[in-house]
N, C-alpha and C. Protein backbone atom coordinates (compact mmCIF):
# COMPACT_ATOMS: atom_id res chain seq x y z
N MET A 1 0.70 -1.64 0.06
CA MET A 1 -0.21 -0.27 0.10
C MET A 1 0.82 1.00 -0.18
N THR A 2 0.63 2.16 -0.87
CA THR A 2 1.60 3.27 -0.82
C THR A 2 0.95 4.37 0.07
N LEU A 3 1.90 4.65 0.94
CA LEU A 3 1.68 5.75 1.65
C LEU A 3 1.21 7.13 1.47
N THR A 4 0.42 7.58 2.52
CA THR A 4 -0.31 9.39 1.78
C THR A 4 1.59 10.29 2.39
N PRO A 5 1.81 10.81 1.62
CA PRO A 5 2.71 12.02 1.95
C PRO A 5 2.30 12.75 3.01
N LEU A 6 3.39 13.13 4.49
CA LEU A 6 3.10 14.21 5.27
C LEU A 6 4.57 15.26 5.19
N VAL A 7 4.20 16.35 4.36
CA VAL A 7 5.54 17.57 3.67
C VAL A 7 5.62 18.32 4.91
N ALA A 8 6.27 17.75 5.32
CA ALA A 8 7.43 18.76 6.55
C ALA A 8 8.16 19.99 6.06
N PHE A 9 7.77 21.18 6.48
CA PHE A 9 8.40 22.45 6.27
C PHE A 9 9.24 23.16 7.49
N ASP A 10 10.87 23.38 7.01
CA ASP A 10 11.64 24.49 7.53
C ASP A 10 11.06 25.60 6.87
N LEU A 11 11.12 26.98 7.94
CA LEU A 11 10.38 28.17 7.63
C LEU A 11 11.51 29.44 7.10
N ASP A 12 12.67 29.16 8.05
CA ASP A 12 13.52 30.27 7.50
C ASP A 12 14.39 29.73 6.22
N ASP A 13 13.91 30.99 5.29
CA ASP A 13 14.85 30.53 3.45
C ASP A 13 14.27 29.62 3.02
N THR A 14 13.26 28.54 3.43
CA THR A 14 12.84 27.63 2.83
C THR A 14 11.05 28.35 2.49
N LEU A 15 10.34 28.79 3.14
CA LEU A 15 9.31 29.52 2.60
C LEU A 15 9.22 30.68 2.03
N TYR A 16 10.57 31.38 2.86
CA TYR A 16 10.53 32.72 2.83
C TYR A 16 12.03 33.34 2.57
N SER A 17 12.37 34.48 2.71
CA SER A 17 13.54 35.05 3.13
C SER A 17 14.01 35.70 3.81
N GLU A 18 14.78 34.85 4.70
CA GLU A 18 15.22 35.29 6.30
C GLU A 18 15.85 36.48 6.18
N ARG A 19 16.46 36.72 4.77
CA ARG A 19 17.10 38.25 5.14
C ARG A 19 15.53 39.53 5.05
N ASP A 20 14.69 39.01 4.45
CA ASP A 20 13.51 39.75 4.45
C ASP A 20 12.99 40.16 6.06
N PHE A 21 13.25 39.22 6.49
CA PHE A 21 12.90 39.54 8.32
C PHE A 21 13.92 40.12 8.81
N LEU A 22 15.42 40.01 8.44
CA LEU A 22 16.16 40.33 8.96
C LEU A 22 16.19 42.33 8.86
N HIS A 23 15.77 42.72 7.94
CA HIS A 23 15.42 43.53 7.14
C HIS A 23 13.89 44.33 8.11
N SER A 24 13.49 43.76 8.26
CA SER A 24 12.17 43.76 8.23
C SER A 24 12.63 44.31 9.97
N GLY A 25 13.13 43.88 10.96
CA GLY A 25 13.49 43.63 12.13
C GLY A 25 14.26 44.84 12.32
N TRP A 26 15.30 45.71 11.30
CA TRP A 26 16.16 46.82 11.38
C TRP A 26 15.21 47.60 11.46
N ARG A 27 14.07 47.28 10.71
CA ARG A 27 13.24 48.91 10.20
C ARG A 27 12.48 49.13 11.32
N ALA A 28 11.91 47.77 12.67
CA ALA A 28 11.14 48.05 13.60
C ALA A 28 12.44 48.96 14.55
N VAL A 29 13.60 48.29 14.55
CA VAL A 29 14.18 48.87 15.61
C VAL A 29 14.36 50.22 15.06
N ALA A 30 14.50 50.98 14.00
CA ALA A 30 15.05 52.86 13.24
C ALA A 30 13.70 52.87 13.71
N ARG A 31 12.82 52.46 14.00
CA ARG A 31 11.48 53.41 14.15
C ARG A 31 11.43 53.29 15.42
N ALA A 32 11.87 52.48 16.63
CA ALA A 32 12.05 53.00 17.54
C ALA A 32 13.56 53.71 18.20
N ALA A 33 14.56 53.61 17.28
CA ALA A 33 15.72 54.81 17.02
C ALA A 33 14.98 56.03 17.66
N ALA A 34 14.36 56.32 16.38
CA ALA A 34 13.19 57.69 15.72
C ALA A 34 12.58 58.47 17.05
N ILE A 35 12.14 57.31 18.23
CA ILE A 35 11.35 57.76 19.50
C ILE A 35 12.62 58.68 20.00
N HIS A 36 13.82 58.14 19.84
CA HIS A 36 14.77 58.42 21.14
C HIS A 36 15.68 59.13 20.76
N GLY A 37 14.78 59.95 19.16
CA GLY A 37 15.62 61.37 18.80
C GLY A 37 16.91 61.14 17.51
N LEU A 38 16.82 59.95 17.05
CA LEU A 38 17.95 59.10 15.70
C LEU A 38 16.98 59.95 14.85
N GLU A 39 17.18 60.33 13.60
CA GLU A 39 16.03 60.12 12.50
C GLU A 39 16.44 58.31 11.75
N ALA A 40 15.31 58.26 11.59
CA ALA A 40 14.94 55.93 11.48
C ALA A 40 16.08 56.02 9.93
N GLY A 41 16.44 56.56 8.81
CA GLY A 41 16.87 56.65 7.75
C GLY A 41 18.29 56.74 7.99
N GLU A 42 18.77 57.27 8.84
CA GLU A 42 20.31 57.18 9.44
C GLU A 42 20.55 56.10 10.44
N ALA A 43 18.96 55.45 11.15
CA ALA A 43 19.59 54.82 12.20
C ALA A 43 19.98 53.19 11.26
N TRP A 44 18.80 52.70 9.83
CA TRP A 44 18.97 51.96 8.86
C TRP A 44 20.64 52.20 8.60
N ARG A 45 21.09 53.27 8.21
CA ARG A 45 21.92 53.18 7.76
C ARG A 45 23.30 52.73 8.53
N ILE A 46 23.18 53.31 9.52
CA ILE A 46 24.40 52.81 10.63
C ILE A 46 24.18 50.79 11.01
N MET A 47 22.96 50.49 10.94
CA MET A 47 22.45 49.19 10.86
C MET A 47 23.30 47.87 9.61
N SER A 48 23.26 48.85 9.07
CA SER A 48 22.86 47.92 7.60
C SER A 48 24.74 48.28 6.92
N THR A 49 25.46 48.89 7.60
CA THR A 49 27.02 49.14 6.94
C THR A 49 27.61 48.82 7.95
N ALA A 50 27.05 48.12 9.03
CA ALA A 50 28.35 47.75 10.53
C ALA A 50 28.26 45.92 10.47
N PRO A 51 29.26 45.25 10.94
CA PRO A 51 28.66 44.20 11.02
C PRO A 51 28.00 43.82 12.47
N ASP A 52 28.23 44.60 13.19
CA ASP A 52 27.31 44.41 14.38
C ASP A 52 26.92 45.92 14.68
N ALA A 53 25.03 45.35 14.19
CA ALA A 53 24.32 46.26 13.83
C ALA A 53 24.04 46.93 15.18
N PHE A 54 23.62 46.04 15.74
CA PHE A 54 23.06 46.71 16.80
C PHE A 54 24.35 47.43 18.02
N ASP A 55 25.18 46.70 18.09
CA ASP A 55 26.57 47.48 19.21
C ASP A 55 26.79 48.72 18.32
N ALA A 56 26.75 48.94 17.16
CA ALA A 56 27.07 50.63 15.94
C ALA A 56 26.19 51.21 16.25
N LEU A 57 24.53 50.87 16.52
CA LEU A 57 23.49 51.59 16.31
C LEU A 57 23.70 52.05 17.69
N HIS A 58 23.93 51.70 19.16
CA HIS A 58 23.76 51.91 20.50
C HIS A 58 25.33 52.76 20.65
N ALA A 59 26.61 52.67 20.15
CA ALA A 59 27.58 53.76 20.00
C ALA A 59 27.13 54.59 19.77
N ARG A 60 26.16 54.87 18.51
CA ARG A 60 25.66 56.23 18.06
C ARG A 60 24.61 56.88 19.00
N LEU A 61 23.76 55.93 19.36
CA LEU A 61 22.88 56.29 20.41
C LEU A 61 22.58 55.45 22.04
N PRO A 62 23.62 55.88 22.56
CA PRO A 62 23.94 55.23 24.09
C PRO A 62 22.56 55.07 25.35
N ILE A 63 21.78 56.04 24.75
CA ILE A 63 20.53 56.22 25.62
C ILE A 63 19.69 54.63 25.25
N MET A 64 19.62 54.30 23.99
CA MET A 64 18.79 52.61 23.43
C MET A 64 19.88 51.86 23.84
N THR A 65 19.56 51.14 24.62
CA THR A 65 20.41 49.66 24.40
C THR A 65 20.44 48.41 23.69
N VAL A 66 20.71 47.53 23.59
CA VAL A 66 21.13 46.78 22.59
C VAL A 66 20.44 45.71 23.07
N ASP A 67 19.90 45.35 24.29
CA ASP A 67 19.06 44.51 24.93
C ASP A 67 17.50 44.55 24.39
N GLU A 68 17.18 46.54 24.36
CA GLU A 68 16.30 47.05 24.03
C GLU A 68 15.74 46.61 22.23
N MET A 69 17.56 46.79 21.95
CA MET A 69 17.11 46.86 20.35
C MET A 69 16.44 45.43 20.06
N LEU A 70 16.97 43.97 20.43
CA LEU A 70 17.44 42.90 20.78
C LEU A 70 15.54 42.36 20.84
N HIS A 71 14.98 42.98 21.72
CA HIS A 71 13.82 42.62 22.15
C HIS A 71 12.73 43.42 21.06
N VAL A 72 12.83 44.94 20.47
CA VAL A 72 12.44 45.30 19.57
C VAL A 72 12.17 44.50 18.43
N TYR A 73 13.63 43.37 17.93
CA TYR A 73 13.90 43.30 17.00
C TYR A 73 13.26 41.84 16.75
N ARG A 74 13.23 41.05 17.94
CA ARG A 74 12.36 39.99 18.09
C ARG A 74 11.41 39.73 18.78
N THR A 75 10.57 40.75 19.01
CA THR A 75 9.42 40.35 19.01
C THR A 75 8.24 41.49 17.96
N HIS A 76 8.41 42.17 17.21
CA HIS A 76 7.60 42.71 16.37
C HIS A 76 7.06 41.82 15.32
N MET A 77 6.37 42.40 14.98
CA MET A 77 5.37 41.73 13.63
C MET A 77 5.93 42.24 12.33
N PRO A 78 6.57 41.06 11.99
CA PRO A 78 7.74 41.09 10.36
C PRO A 78 6.83 41.10 9.57
N ASP A 79 6.85 42.41 8.35
CA ASP A 79 6.65 42.30 7.40
C ASP A 79 7.33 41.64 6.06
N ILE A 80 7.31 40.66 5.70
CA ILE A 80 7.85 39.22 5.03
C ILE A 80 6.80 39.04 4.51
N ALA A 81 7.35 38.07 3.09
CA ALA A 81 5.96 37.47 1.94
C ALA A 81 6.76 36.09 1.59
N LEU A 82 5.77 34.83 0.91
CA LEU A 82 6.35 34.04 1.04
C LEU A 82 6.78 34.07 -0.42
N TYR A 83 7.62 33.00 -0.49
CA TYR A 83 8.34 32.65 -1.67
C TYR A 83 7.19 32.69 -2.84
N THR A 84 7.33 32.84 -3.97
CA THR A 84 6.71 32.66 -5.25
C THR A 84 6.56 31.49 -5.37
N GLY A 85 5.28 30.95 -5.57
CA GLY A 85 4.71 29.83 -5.72
C GLY A 85 4.40 28.82 -4.06
N VAL A 86 5.24 29.11 -3.42
CA VAL A 86 4.46 28.25 -1.60
C VAL A 86 3.21 28.33 -1.66
N ASP A 87 2.14 29.48 -2.21
CA ASP A 87 1.13 28.84 -2.13
C ASP A 87 0.00 28.20 -2.85
N ASP A 88 0.77 28.34 -4.04
CA ASP A 88 0.09 27.40 -4.88
C ASP A 88 0.66 26.13 -4.71
N THR A 89 1.73 25.96 -4.39
CA THR A 89 2.22 24.46 -3.60
C THR A 89 1.43 23.78 -2.11
N LEU A 90 1.29 24.89 -2.06
CA LEU A 90 0.71 24.28 -0.42
C LEU A 90 -0.97 23.82 -0.66
N GLU A 91 -1.54 24.90 -1.23
CA GLU A 91 -2.72 24.36 -1.84
C GLU A 91 -2.73 23.47 -2.49
N CYS A 92 -1.75 22.60 -3.50
CA CYS A 92 -1.84 21.45 -3.93
C CYS A 92 -1.84 20.32 -3.30
N LEU A 93 -0.73 20.51 -1.75
CA LEU A 93 -0.44 19.18 -1.50
C LEU A 93 -1.85 19.55 -0.71
N ARG A 94 -2.72 20.48 0.02
CA ARG A 94 -3.90 19.85 0.82
C ARG A 94 -5.04 19.24 -0.09
N SER A 95 -4.90 20.17 -1.89
CA SER A 95 -5.72 19.22 -2.35
C SER A 95 -5.74 17.68 -2.18
N ARG A 96 -4.47 17.13 -2.91
CA ARG A 96 -3.97 16.03 -2.24
C ARG A 96 -4.49 15.01 -0.97
N GLY A 97 -4.76 15.72 -0.09
CA GLY A 97 -4.77 15.26 1.21
C GLY A 97 -3.67 15.08 1.85
N CYS A 98 -2.57 15.67 1.90
CA CYS A 98 -1.05 15.41 2.23
C CYS A 98 -1.17 17.01 3.84
N PRO A 99 -1.20 15.89 5.05
CA PRO A 99 -0.76 16.62 5.92
C PRO A 99 0.65 18.08 5.62
N ILE A 100 0.48 18.79 6.12
CA ILE A 100 1.74 19.62 5.99
C ILE A 100 1.77 19.99 7.42
N ALA A 101 3.64 19.64 7.72
CA ALA A 101 3.75 20.85 8.85
C ALA A 101 4.87 21.63 8.89
N ILE A 102 5.11 22.34 10.12
CA ILE A 102 6.21 23.39 9.72
C ILE A 102 7.21 22.91 10.78
N ILE A 103 8.52 22.79 10.72
CA ILE A 103 9.55 22.72 12.37
C ILE A 103 10.40 23.14 11.84
N THR A 104 10.87 24.65 12.90
CA THR A 104 11.69 25.35 12.63
C THR A 104 12.20 25.37 13.68
N ASP A 105 13.16 26.47 13.66
CA ASP A 105 14.17 25.82 15.11
C ASP A 105 14.07 28.41 15.24
N GLY A 106 14.23 27.97 16.87
CA GLY A 106 14.11 29.67 17.04
C GLY A 106 13.24 29.94 17.95
N ARG A 107 13.38 31.20 18.50
CA ARG A 107 12.44 31.38 19.41
C ARG A 107 10.70 31.64 19.08
N SER A 108 10.36 31.01 20.23
CA SER A 108 8.52 31.34 20.04
C SER A 108 7.98 32.05 19.77
N LEU A 109 7.70 33.45 19.57
CA LEU A 109 7.17 34.29 19.46
C LEU A 109 7.89 34.64 18.14
N SER A 110 8.73 34.96 17.60
CA SER A 110 9.37 35.70 16.64
C SER A 110 8.97 34.34 15.58
N GLN A 111 9.20 33.45 15.84
CA GLN A 111 8.75 32.38 14.50
C GLN A 111 7.16 31.99 14.90
N ARG A 112 6.29 32.12 15.67
CA ARG A 112 4.56 32.67 15.47
C ARG A 112 4.84 33.38 14.64
N ASN A 113 4.95 35.16 15.08
CA ASN A 113 5.04 35.83 14.55
C ASN A 113 5.39 36.10 12.85
N LYS A 114 6.35 35.07 13.06
CA LYS A 114 6.81 35.23 11.19
C LYS A 114 5.61 34.18 10.52
N ILE A 115 4.86 33.09 11.09
CA ILE A 115 4.17 32.24 10.35
C ILE A 115 3.13 33.16 9.94
N LYS A 116 2.26 34.03 11.17
CA LYS A 116 1.21 34.22 11.09
C LYS A 116 0.89 35.77 9.99
N ALA A 117 2.74 36.32 10.10
CA ALA A 117 2.52 37.41 8.76
C ALA A 117 2.66 36.58 7.88
N LEU A 118 3.10 36.14 7.67
CA LEU A 118 3.10 34.67 6.34
C LEU A 118 1.55 33.38 5.88
N GLY A 119 0.85 34.33 6.44
CA GLY A 119 -0.27 33.34 6.26
C GLY A 119 -0.72 32.11 6.72
N LEU A 120 0.44 31.08 6.84
CA LEU A 120 0.97 30.00 7.22
C LEU A 120 -0.28 29.28 7.94
N GLU A 121 -0.78 29.65 9.09
CA GLU A 121 -1.37 29.16 10.31
C GLU A 121 -2.31 28.40 9.45
N GLN A 122 -3.16 29.11 7.98
CA GLN A 122 -4.43 28.20 7.52
C GLN A 122 -3.94 26.90 6.94
N TYR A 123 -2.45 26.68 6.76
CA TYR A 123 -2.06 25.31 5.77
C TYR A 123 -1.63 24.45 7.16
N ALA A 124 -0.80 24.73 8.21
CA ALA A 124 0.07 23.98 8.88
C ALA A 124 -0.98 23.07 9.62
N ASP A 125 -1.22 21.88 10.12
CA ASP A 125 -1.18 20.91 10.60
C ASP A 125 -0.68 20.81 11.58
N TYR A 126 0.51 21.27 11.57
CA TYR A 126 1.43 21.36 13.24
C TYR A 126 2.46 21.75 12.75
N VAL A 127 2.28 22.81 14.03
CA VAL A 127 4.23 23.70 13.94
C VAL A 127 4.71 23.18 15.43
N SER A 128 6.13 22.87 15.39
CA SER A 128 6.98 22.46 16.01
C SER A 128 8.78 23.85 15.78
N VAL A 129 8.22 24.43 16.81
CA VAL A 129 9.45 25.69 17.39
C VAL A 129 10.20 24.43 17.89
N SER A 130 11.38 25.05 18.02
CA SER A 130 12.55 24.66 18.93
C SER A 130 12.15 25.20 20.69
N GLU A 131 11.69 26.13 20.71
CA GLU A 131 12.00 26.33 22.16
C GLU A 131 11.18 25.90 22.56
N GLU A 132 9.64 25.73 22.22
CA GLU A 132 8.02 25.23 22.23
C GLU A 132 8.35 23.80 23.39
N ILE A 133 9.51 23.24 22.68
CA ILE A 133 9.69 21.51 22.61
C ILE A 133 10.98 21.22 23.22
N GLY A 134 11.50 22.46 23.61
CA GLY A 134 13.06 22.33 24.26
C GLY A 134 14.06 21.55 23.36
N ALA A 135 13.95 21.31 22.00
CA ALA A 135 14.86 20.58 21.27
C ALA A 135 15.49 21.45 19.99
N ASP A 136 16.32 21.32 19.21
CA ASP A 136 16.10 21.74 17.67
C ASP A 136 16.31 20.53 16.70
N LYS A 137 16.69 21.04 15.38
CA LYS A 137 17.09 20.06 14.82
C LYS A 137 18.44 19.13 14.49
N THR A 138 19.03 19.77 15.90
CA THR A 138 20.26 19.38 15.90
C THR A 138 20.06 17.25 16.61
N SER A 139 18.28 17.16 17.21
CA SER A 139 18.50 15.76 17.68
C SER A 139 17.31 15.39 16.88
N ASP A 140 16.91 14.50 17.04
CA ASP A 140 15.85 13.36 16.70
C ASP A 140 14.28 14.39 16.93
N SER A 141 14.54 14.83 18.22
CA SER A 141 12.88 15.19 18.88
C SER A 141 12.19 15.77 17.88
N PRO A 142 12.29 16.65 17.04
CA PRO A 142 11.46 17.41 16.49
C PRO A 142 10.65 16.14 15.44
N PHE A 143 11.56 15.17 15.08
CA PHE A 143 11.02 14.77 13.50
C PHE A 143 10.04 13.47 13.93
N ARG A 144 10.52 12.86 15.61
CA ARG A 144 10.34 12.01 16.33
C ARG A 144 8.33 12.32 16.97
N ILE A 145 8.61 13.57 17.21
CA ILE A 145 6.93 14.04 17.55
C ILE A 145 6.40 13.96 17.41
N LEU A 146 6.82 14.55 15.92
CA LEU A 146 5.44 15.05 14.45
C LEU A 146 5.36 13.13 13.94
N MET A 147 6.32 12.39 13.56
CA MET A 147 5.83 10.81 13.34
C MET A 147 4.79 10.00 14.61
N ASP A 148 4.96 10.64 15.65
CA ASP A 148 3.96 10.78 16.99
C ASP A 148 2.98 10.72 16.71
N MET A 149 2.61 12.06 16.32
CA MET A 149 1.36 12.47 16.30
C MET A 149 0.35 12.24 15.35
N PHE A 150 1.58 11.74 14.44
CA PHE A 150 1.01 11.93 12.38
C PHE A 150 1.32 10.44 11.85
N PRO A 151 0.79 9.63 12.75
CA PRO A 151 2.14 8.08 12.27
C PRO A 151 1.23 7.48 11.16
N GLY A 152 2.11 6.89 10.33
CA GLY A 152 1.59 5.96 9.33
C GLY A 152 1.34 6.88 7.99
N TYR A 153 2.50 7.98 7.50
CA TYR A 153 2.47 8.25 6.69
C TYR A 153 3.76 8.20 6.11
N HIS A 154 4.14 9.02 4.52
CA HIS A 154 4.76 9.01 3.58
C HIS A 154 5.87 10.09 4.59
N TYR A 155 6.91 10.52 5.50
CA TYR A 155 6.85 11.62 5.77
C TYR A 155 8.53 12.20 4.70
N ILE A 156 8.24 13.58 4.45
CA ILE A 156 8.96 14.46 3.52
C ILE A 156 9.07 15.68 4.07
N TYR A 157 11.05 15.80 4.18
CA TYR A 157 11.42 17.37 4.76
C TYR A 157 11.83 18.30 3.52
N VAL A 158 11.68 19.22 3.46
CA VAL A 158 12.25 20.36 3.01
C VAL A 158 12.88 21.28 3.83
N GLY A 159 13.69 22.05 3.46
CA GLY A 159 14.55 22.63 3.93
C GLY A 159 15.72 23.12 3.47
N ASP A 160 16.66 23.98 3.69
CA ASP A 160 17.68 24.75 2.69
C ASP A 160 19.06 24.40 3.17
N ASN A 161 18.63 24.26 4.83
CA ASN A 161 20.60 24.43 5.23
C ASN A 161 21.14 22.95 5.47
N PRO A 162 22.18 22.79 4.51
CA PRO A 162 22.79 21.24 4.84
C PRO A 162 23.40 20.94 6.34
N ALA A 163 23.43 21.78 6.96
CA ALA A 163 24.11 21.43 8.33
C ALA A 163 23.19 20.67 9.40
N LYS A 164 22.21 21.04 9.05
CA LYS A 164 21.25 20.85 10.35
C LYS A 164 20.26 20.13 9.72
N ASP A 165 19.66 20.42 8.72
CA ASP A 165 18.45 20.22 8.17
C ASP A 165 17.86 18.63 7.88
N PHE A 166 18.98 18.18 7.70
CA PHE A 166 18.32 17.04 7.01
C PHE A 166 19.28 15.27 7.42
N VAL A 167 20.40 15.43 8.88
CA VAL A 167 20.25 14.75 8.72
C VAL A 167 19.07 13.57 9.62
N TRP A 168 18.74 14.20 10.38
CA TRP A 168 17.77 13.54 11.53
C TRP A 168 17.06 12.78 10.70
N PRO A 169 16.08 13.69 9.47
CA PRO A 169 14.88 12.69 8.74
C PRO A 169 15.60 11.34 8.34
N ASN A 170 17.10 11.80 6.91
CA ASN A 170 17.77 10.87 6.67
C ASN A 170 17.72 9.43 7.04
N ARG A 171 18.32 9.92 9.28
CA ARG A 171 18.20 8.79 9.93
C ARG A 171 16.90 7.90 10.44
N LEU A 172 16.16 8.75 10.06
CA LEU A 172 14.58 8.22 10.37
C LEU A 172 14.16 7.85 9.14
N GLY A 173 14.60 8.03 8.57
CA GLY A 173 13.99 7.18 6.61
C GLY A 173 12.68 8.09 6.15
N TRP A 174 13.11 8.99 6.27
CA TRP A 174 12.50 10.20 5.44
C TRP A 174 12.66 10.39 4.49
N THR A 175 12.38 10.63 3.84
CA THR A 175 12.20 11.28 2.06
C THR A 175 13.44 13.05 2.81
N THR A 176 14.66 13.32 1.96
CA THR A 176 14.70 15.31 1.88
C THR A 176 14.90 15.68 0.56
N VAL A 177 14.74 16.73 0.89
CA VAL A 177 14.55 17.95 -0.27
C VAL A 177 15.18 19.17 0.30
N MET A 178 16.30 19.41 -0.49
CA MET A 178 16.99 20.80 -0.24
C MET A 178 16.41 21.76 -1.15
N LEU A 179 15.96 23.06 -0.72
CA LEU A 179 15.41 23.53 -1.81
C LEU A 179 16.88 24.71 -2.32
N ARG A 180 16.78 24.52 -2.83
CA ARG A 180 18.12 25.90 -3.62
C ARG A 180 18.22 26.51 -4.02
N GLU A 181 18.78 27.48 -3.41
CA GLU A 181 18.86 29.16 -3.22
C GLU A 181 18.93 29.78 -4.87
N SER A 182 18.06 30.90 -4.69
CA SER A 182 17.93 31.22 -6.17
C SER A 182 18.56 32.22 -6.77
N ARG A 183 19.66 32.76 -5.66
CA ARG A 183 20.75 33.44 -5.66
C ARG A 183 22.46 32.83 -5.21
N PRO A 184 23.22 33.02 -5.54
CA PRO A 184 23.83 32.63 -4.52
C PRO A 184 24.51 33.55 -3.41
N GLY A 185 24.16 33.04 -2.08
CA GLY A 185 24.92 34.59 -0.95
C GLY A 185 23.28 34.67 -0.62
N LEU A 186 22.58 34.37 -1.64
CA LEU A 186 21.00 35.10 -0.34
C LEU A 186 20.46 34.66 0.82
N ASN A 187 20.95 33.13 0.64
CA ASN A 187 20.47 32.31 2.33
C ASN A 187 21.24 32.88 3.51
N ILE A 188 20.98 33.01 4.20
CA ILE A 188 21.38 32.70 5.62
C ILE A 188 23.00 32.27 5.64
N HIS A 189 21.98 30.72 5.81
CA HIS A 189 23.49 29.51 5.37
C HIS A 189 23.80 29.76 4.29
N PRO A 190 24.72 28.78 4.16
CA PRO A 190 25.76 28.40 3.57
C PRO A 190 25.03 27.08 2.46
N GLN A 191 25.13 26.99 1.58
CA GLN A 191 24.12 25.55 0.63
C GLN A 191 25.81 24.28 0.69
N THR A 192 26.37 24.50 0.47
CA THR A 192 27.79 23.53 0.34
C THR A 192 26.98 22.05 1.26
N LEU A 193 26.74 21.21 -0.20
CA LEU A 193 26.60 19.77 0.21
C LEU A 193 27.93 19.31 1.14
N PRO A 194 27.02 18.40 2.01
CA PRO A 194 28.58 17.63 3.23
C PRO A 194 28.76 16.57 2.54
N GLN A 195 30.23 16.33 2.71
CA GLN A 195 30.71 14.55 2.14
C GLN A 195 30.02 13.76 3.01
N GLU A 196 29.81 13.79 3.81
CA GLU A 196 28.57 12.63 4.92
C GLU A 196 27.48 12.75 4.19
N LYS A 197 27.13 11.68 3.50
CA LYS A 197 25.74 11.25 2.99
C LYS A 197 24.60 11.48 4.13
N ILE A 198 24.87 10.79 5.08
CA ILE A 198 23.88 11.41 6.21
C ILE A 198 22.99 12.96 6.14
N TYR A 199 24.44 14.09 6.25
CA TYR A 199 23.78 15.07 6.06
C TYR A 199 23.24 15.80 4.94
N ALA A 200 23.09 15.70 3.94
CA ALA A 200 22.72 15.21 2.33
C ALA A 200 21.47 15.55 2.30
N PRO A 201 21.09 16.08 1.50
CA PRO A 201 19.73 15.51 0.90
C PRO A 201 19.44 14.57 0.15
N GLN A 202 18.33 14.42 0.03
CA GLN A 202 18.43 12.92 -1.30
C GLN A 202 17.63 13.78 -2.66
N ARG A 203 17.18 14.66 -2.75
CA ARG A 203 16.67 15.53 -3.40
C ARG A 203 17.22 17.01 -3.72
N VAL A 204 17.28 17.76 -4.78
CA VAL A 204 17.73 19.09 -4.32
C VAL A 204 16.46 19.58 -5.65
N VAL A 205 15.89 20.76 -5.28
CA VAL A 205 14.63 21.17 -5.93
C VAL A 205 15.39 22.68 -6.12
N SER A 206 14.81 23.41 -7.36
CA SER A 206 15.10 25.09 -7.76
C SER A 206 14.34 25.46 -7.49
N HIS A 207 12.58 25.00 -7.66
CA HIS A 207 12.03 25.62 -7.24
C HIS A 207 10.71 25.15 -6.61
N ILE A 208 10.08 25.78 -5.35
CA ILE A 208 8.53 24.85 -5.15
C ILE A 208 7.77 24.29 -5.33
N GLY A 209 7.35 24.52 -6.27
CA GLY A 209 6.92 23.69 -7.35
C GLY A 209 6.79 22.56 -7.46
N GLU A 210 8.30 21.97 -7.87
CA GLU A 210 8.38 21.19 -8.31
C GLU A 210 8.17 19.97 -7.15
N LEU A 211 8.03 20.07 -6.17
CA LEU A 211 7.70 19.23 -4.81
C LEU A 211 6.75 18.10 -5.33
N THR A 212 5.67 19.04 -6.09
CA THR A 212 4.14 18.64 -6.29
C THR A 212 4.30 17.00 -7.51
N SER A 213 5.88 17.17 -8.07
CA SER A 213 5.82 16.37 -8.95
C SER A 213 6.80 15.64 -8.80
N ILE A 214 7.73 15.13 -7.65
CA ILE A 214 8.25 14.07 -7.12
C ILE A 214 7.12 13.41 -5.95
N LEU A 215 6.26 13.51 -5.55
CA LEU A 215 5.69 13.15 -4.68
C LEU A 215 4.87 11.82 -5.37
């Protein structure tokens, strides 16, 4: 009997550009800096041209602490959008009766705000955030929890980061798919494929829409 696919997605740099979140966060911090008297455009310029954005801004605006900047960055509602084709792909998976999950590492509030801003709540049957379960993707926990909650499926994980996205799904017998970045250097994490096969994705696609033809 052929098992129904359950498709689990990474979030950052898989369903949207994490750099867009970075820039959205900087804009939020720049707006906060303007309240303290520094023009928002100048705050943006400082953050976007310094290797340590918040340290550089604090040096210019001592009244605003780095902790305050981090709080604004991590808790703001981001201005971000799904990659082209994500909506259509998720709709197609739903029409085929495939459960959809998101397995992501990060802080609960930040990741949940991203999911809300992207409109992903309407698609996801299950969301796993590392802070909420006390384990990230360097362990088997996020994947085993999903398997326990949704037994009896053909499990597929779609991600972007070979350093940690695929090793545990591979070990657990999942199908692993890497979404290749559209431009070199666009993603936060490099996509150098590891020599150890267990860390490498089994499939590589250039566009998320290709998923519907390989399931």
